[in-house]
Amino acid sequence: MSKFNKFRPYPDPRKSEYLHAPLGPGVYDLRRISTKEQILFGIGGRCALRMSSLLPKPLGTGTRNNEKKRKYLLAHIDDIEYRTCACETREEAAEIERNIKQNPKNSYRYNT
């Protein structure tokens, strides 16, 4: 099974920063830098595209319907870091997501 890369600061598109994420299937995991609080995780068949929808429009894309989550991320963007895990298939990403959900040590602010 694939492994997560190291955490890196979440990019701020207002500063022309770049998102480094799998173009294909993958898993993402976000946390606060200052507190290490787990914020959210998720999967995408096109992980980079899915992650670009984590911010509210016009900064983010996509059709996410969780405005509260998107606004939270933007409000704390300078204190957010992320890591990703590239997968061979969406099914592999879904399996990793299930393992994250089932781990009693994980307590995310926003569950997917």
C-alpha atoms as a PDB file:
ATOM      1  CA  MET A   1       0.000   0.000   0.000  1.00  0.00           C
ATOM      2  CA  SER A   2       1.120   3.565  -0.694  1.00  0.00           C
ATOM      3  CA  LYS A   3       2.573   5.882   1.951  1.00  0.00           C
ATOM      4  CA  PHE A   4       1.932   9.505   2.824  1.00  0.00           C
ATOM      5  CA  ASN A   5       4.579  12.076   2.039  1.00  0.00           C
ATOM      6  CA  LYS A   6       5.741  14.611   4.653  1.00  0.00           C
ATOM      7  CA  PHE A   7       3.515  17.455   5.784  1.00  0.00           C
ATOM      8  CA  ARG A   8       4.011  20.756   3.965  1.00  0.00           C
ATOM      9  CA  PRO A   9       2.336  24.172   4.352  1.00  0.00           C
ATOM     10  CA  TYR A  10      -1.001  24.476   2.570  1.00  0.00           C
ATOM     11  CA  PRO A  11      -0.577  26.813  -0.409  1.00  0.00           C
ATOM     12  CA  ASP A  12      -2.316  30.163  -0.479  1.00  0.00           C
ATOM     13  CA  PRO A  13      -3.483  30.870  -4.042  1.00  0.00           C
ATOM     14  CA  ARG A  14      -3.579  34.610  -3.223  1.00  0.00           C
ATOM     15  CA  LYS A  15       0.213  34.390  -2.939  1.00  0.00           C
ATOM     16  CA  SER A  16       0.593  32.319  -6.136  1.00  0.00           C
ATOM     17  CA  GLU A  17       1.699  29.278  -4.127  1.00  0.00           C
ATOM     18  CA  TYR A  18       1.506  25.777  -5.569  1.00  0.00           C
ATOM     19  CA  LEU A  19      -0.347  22.668  -4.443  1.00  0.00           C
ATOM     20  CA  HIS A  20       1.735  19.500  -4.716  1.00  0.00           C
ATOM     21  CA  ALA A  21      -0.681  16.595  -4.961  1.00  0.00           C
ATOM     22  CA  PRO A  22      -1.270  13.491  -7.081  1.00  0.00           C
ATOM     23  CA  LEU A  23      -2.902  14.154 -10.432  1.00  0.00           C
ATOM     24  CA  GLY A  24      -4.543  10.736 -10.220  1.00  0.00           C
ATOM     25  CA  PRO A  25      -6.067   8.819  -7.299  1.00  0.00           C
ATOM     26  CA  GLY A  26      -4.928   9.769  -3.829  1.00  0.00           C
ATOM     27  CA  VAL A  27      -5.661  10.662  -0.235  1.00  0.00           C
ATOM     28  CA  TYR A  28      -5.097  13.996   1.496  1.00  0.00           C
ATOM     29  CA  ASP A  29      -4.784  14.847   5.197  1.00  0.00           C
ATOM     30  CA  LEU A  30      -4.833  18.368   6.692  1.00  0.00           C
ATOM     31  CA  ARG A  31      -3.916  19.572  10.179  1.00  0.00           C
ATOM     32  CA  ARG A  32      -3.201  22.797  12.063  1.00  0.00           C
ATOM     33  CA  ILE A  33       0.517  23.589  12.292  1.00  0.00           C
ATOM     34  CA  SER A  34       0.328  25.295  15.694  1.00  0.00           C
ATOM     35  CA  THR A  35      -1.712  22.652  17.509  1.00  0.00           C
ATOM     36  CA  LYS A  36      -1.390  19.513  15.322  1.00  0.00           C
ATOM     37  CA  GLU A  37      -5.198  19.311  15.424  1.00  0.00           C
ATOM     38  CA  GLN A  38      -6.448  17.019  12.667  1.00  0.00           C
ATOM     39  CA  ILE A  39      -8.713  19.079  10.421  1.00  0.00           C
ATOM     40  CA  LEU A  40      -9.912  16.868   7.576  1.00  0.00           C
ATOM     41  CA  PHE A  41      -8.990  14.105   5.174  1.00  0.00           C
ATOM     42  CA  GLY A  42     -10.426  12.793   1.980  1.00  0.00           C
ATOM     43  CA  ILE A  43      -9.853  11.070  -1.317  1.00  0.00           C
ATOM     44  CA  GLY A  44     -10.122  11.928  -4.934  1.00  0.00           C
ATOM     45  CA  GLY A  45      -9.910  10.097  -8.224  1.00  0.00           C
ATOM     46  CA  ARG A  46      -7.988  13.214  -9.241  1.00  0.00           C
ATOM     47  CA  CYS A  47      -6.576  14.201  -5.856  1.00  0.00           C
ATOM     48  CA  ALA A  48      -5.092  17.579  -6.846  1.00  0.00           C
ATOM     49  CA  LEU A  49      -8.390  18.660  -8.391  1.00  0.00           C
ATOM     50  CA  ARG A  50     -10.328  17.502  -5.332  1.00  0.00           C
ATOM     51  CA  MET A  51      -7.971  19.399  -3.020  1.00  0.00           C
ATOM     52  CA  SER A  52      -8.414  22.553  -5.090  1.00  0.00           C
ATOM     53  CA  SER A  53     -12.068  22.513  -4.044  1.00  0.00           C
ATOM     54  CA  LEU A  54     -11.168  22.864  -0.350  1.00  0.00           C
ATOM     55  CA  LEU A  55     -11.215  26.662  -0.564  1.00  0.00           C
ATOM     56  CA  PRO A  56     -14.253  28.869  -1.187  1.00  0.00           C
ATOM     57  CA  LYS A  57     -14.789  30.393  -4.607  1.00  0.00           C
ATOM     58  CA  PRO A  58     -13.232  32.206  -6.345  1.00  0.00           C
ATOM     59  CA  LEU A  59     -10.043  30.697  -4.863  1.00  0.00           C
ATOM     60  CA  GLY A  60     -11.308  27.121  -4.945  1.00  0.00           C
ATOM     61  CA  THR A  61     -12.967  25.130  -7.664  1.00  0.00           C
ATOM     62  CA  GLY A  62     -15.520  22.370  -7.814  1.00  0.00           C
ATOM     63  CA  THR A  63     -18.944  21.926  -6.321  1.00  0.00           C
ATOM     64  CA  ARG A  64     -18.328  21.172  -2.649  1.00  0.00           C
ATOM     65  CA  ASN A  65     -21.403  22.029  -0.626  1.00  0.00           C
ATOM     66  CA  ASN A  66     -19.678  22.470   2.745  1.00  0.00           C
ATOM     67  CA  GLU A  67     -19.119  26.212   2.928  1.00  0.00           C
ATOM     68  CA  LYS A  68     -18.271  26.077   6.652  1.00  0.00           C
ATOM     69  CA  LYS A  69     -15.336  23.731   5.980  1.00  0.00           C
ATOM     70  CA  ARG A  70     -14.096  25.849   3.085  1.00  0.00           C
ATOM     71  CA  LYS A  71     -14.281  29.091   5.083  1.00  0.00           C
ATOM     72  CA  TYR A  72     -12.479  27.479   8.033  1.00  0.00           C
ATOM     73  CA  LEU A  73      -9.585  26.436   5.833  1.00  0.00           C
ATOM     74  CA  LEU A  74      -9.270  29.901   4.295  1.00  0.00           C
ATOM     75  CA  ALA A  75      -9.445  31.626   7.702  1.00  0.00           C
ATOM     76  CA  HIS A  76      -6.573  29.464   8.974  1.00  0.00           C
ATOM     77  CA  ILE A  77      -4.663  28.914   5.722  1.00  0.00           C
ATOM     78  CA  ASP A  78      -1.365  30.182   7.158  1.00  0.00           C
ATOM     79  CA  ASP A  79      -1.672  27.606   9.963  1.00  0.00           C
ATOM     80  CA  ILE A  80      -2.637  24.583   7.838  1.00  0.00           C
ATOM     81  CA  GLU A  81      -0.344  21.877   6.539  1.00  0.00           C
ATOM     82  CA  TYR A  82      -1.151  18.899   4.368  1.00  0.00           C
ATOM     83  CA  ARG A  83       0.200  15.607   3.187  1.00  0.00           C
ATOM     84  CA  THR A  84      -0.901  13.342   0.388  1.00  0.00           C
ATOM     85  CA  CYS A  85      -0.648   9.736  -0.595  1.00  0.00           C
ATOM     86  CA  ALA A  86      -0.657   8.793  -4.274  1.00  0.00           C
ATOM     87  CA  CYS A  87      -2.552   5.595  -5.058  1.00  0.00           C
ATOM     88  CA  GLU A  88      -2.750   3.359  -8.088  1.00  0.00           C
ATOM     89  CA  THR A  89      -6.559   3.220  -7.996  1.00  0.00           C
ATOM     90  CA  ARG A  90      -9.475   5.045  -6.398  1.00  0.00           C
ATOM     91  CA  GLU A  91     -10.289   1.781  -4.612  1.00  0.00           C
ATOM     92  CA  GLU A  92      -6.869   1.815  -2.941  1.00  0.00           C
ATOM     93  CA  ALA A  93      -7.501   5.417  -1.857  1.00  0.00           C
ATOM     94  CA  ALA A  94     -10.903   4.412  -0.467  1.00  0.00           C
ATOM     95  CA  GLU A  95      -9.267   1.616   1.526  1.00  0.00           C
ATOM     96  CA  ILE A  96      -6.800   4.065   3.077  1.00  0.00           C
ATOM     97  CA  GLU A  97      -9.689   6.416   3.865  1.00  0.00           C
ATOM     98  CA  ARG A  98     -11.563   3.578   5.616  1.00  0.00           C
ATOM     99  CA  ASN A  99      -8.463   2.812   7.700  1.00  0.00           C
ATOM    100  CA  ILE A 100      -8.213   6.468   8.741  1.00  0.00           C
ATOM    101  CA  LYS A 101     -11.900   6.538   9.727  1.00  0.00           C
ATOM    102  CA  GLN A 102     -11.622   3.321  11.741  1.00  0.00           C
ATOM    103  CA  ASN A 103      -8.485   4.319  13.671  1.00  0.00           C
ATOM    104  CA  PRO A 104      -9.629   5.356  17.175  1.00  0.00           C
ATOM    105  CA  LYS A 105      -6.548   7.625  17.511  1.00  0.00           C
ATOM    106  CA  ASN A 106      -7.887   9.889  14.754  1.00  0.00           C
ATOM    107  CA  SER A 107     -10.171  12.739  15.725  1.00  0.00           C
ATOM    108  CA  TYR A 108     -10.813  15.147  12.862  1.00  0.00           C
ATOM    109  CA  ARG A 109     -12.633  18.470  13.112  1.00  0.00           C
ATOM    110  CA  TYR A 110     -14.438  17.656   9.869  1.00  0.00           C
ATOM    111  CA  ASN A 111     -15.170  14.031   9.049  1.00  0.00           C
ATOM    112  CA  THR A 112     -15.591  13.186   5.404  1.00  0.00           C
END
